[in-house]
Amino acid sequence: MTYLLAHQGGWDEILLVVGPILVLGGLLRLANKRADKLNEEADAKVRR
């Protein structure tokens, strides 16, 4: 286990930064899709 926590040449530190950025980006994309869908539904109700 200690070997896994040892310095791995930099790629592990990159994952610690890029991983959360990718997760937050994915959540933002999902939220935008949901918001667009709600706006389209609201526009459809107004047009009736």
Protein backbone atom coordinates (compact mmCIF):
# COMPACT_ATOMS: atom_id res chain seq x y z
CA MET A 1 0.00 0.00 0.00
CA THR A 2 2.86 2.36 0.73
CA TYR A 3 4.14 1.92 -2.83
CA LEU A 4 0.79 3.15 -4.19
CA LEU A 5 1.02 6.31 -2.11
CA ALA A 6 4.63 7.04 -3.09
CA HIS A 7 5.55 9.61 -5.72
CA GLN A 8 4.69 8.24 -9.17
CA GLY A 9 6.48 10.77 -11.37
CA GLY A 10 3.77 13.39 -11.49
CA TRP A 11 0.89 11.62 -13.24
CA ASP A 12 -0.87 10.88 -9.95
CA GLU A 13 -0.85 14.56 -8.99
CA ILE A 14 -2.31 15.41 -12.38
CA LEU A 15 -5.18 12.97 -11.72
CA LEU A 16 -5.87 14.69 -8.40
CA VAL A 17 -6.43 17.95 -10.28
CA VAL A 18 -8.02 16.73 -13.52
CA GLY A 19 -10.37 14.22 -11.90
CA PRO A 20 -12.46 16.71 -9.93
CA ILE A 21 -12.46 19.14 -12.87
CA LEU A 22 -13.92 16.43 -15.12
CA VAL A 23 -16.53 15.51 -12.51
CA LEU A 24 -17.62 19.12 -12.08
CA GLY A 25 -17.69 19.63 -15.85
CA GLY A 26 -19.89 16.58 -16.26
CA LEU A 27 -22.27 17.77 -13.55
CA LEU A 28 -22.44 21.21 -15.17
CA ARG A 29 -23.25 19.68 -18.55
CA LEU A 30 -25.99 17.55 -16.97
CA ALA A 31 -27.47 20.58 -15.21
CA ASN A 32 -27.46 22.59 -18.44
CA LYS A 33 -29.26 19.80 -20.31
CA ARG A 34 -31.91 19.63 -17.60
CA ALA A 35 -32.33 23.41 -17.58
CA ASP A 36 -32.69 23.49 -21.38
CA LYS A 37 -35.33 20.76 -21.21
CA LEU A 38 -37.27 22.66 -18.53
CA ASN A 39 -37.10 25.86 -20.60
CA GLU A 40 -38.40 24.06 -23.68
CA GLU A 41 -41.28 22.58 -21.67
CA ALA A 42 -42.12 25.98 -20.20
CA ASP A 43 -42.06 27.58 -23.67
CA ALA A 44 -44.35 24.87 -25.00
CA LYS A 45 -46.86 25.53 -22.19
CA VAL A 46 -46.81 29.29 -22.85
CA ARG A 47 -47.46 28.79 -26.57
CA ARG A 48 -50.65 26.78 -25.94
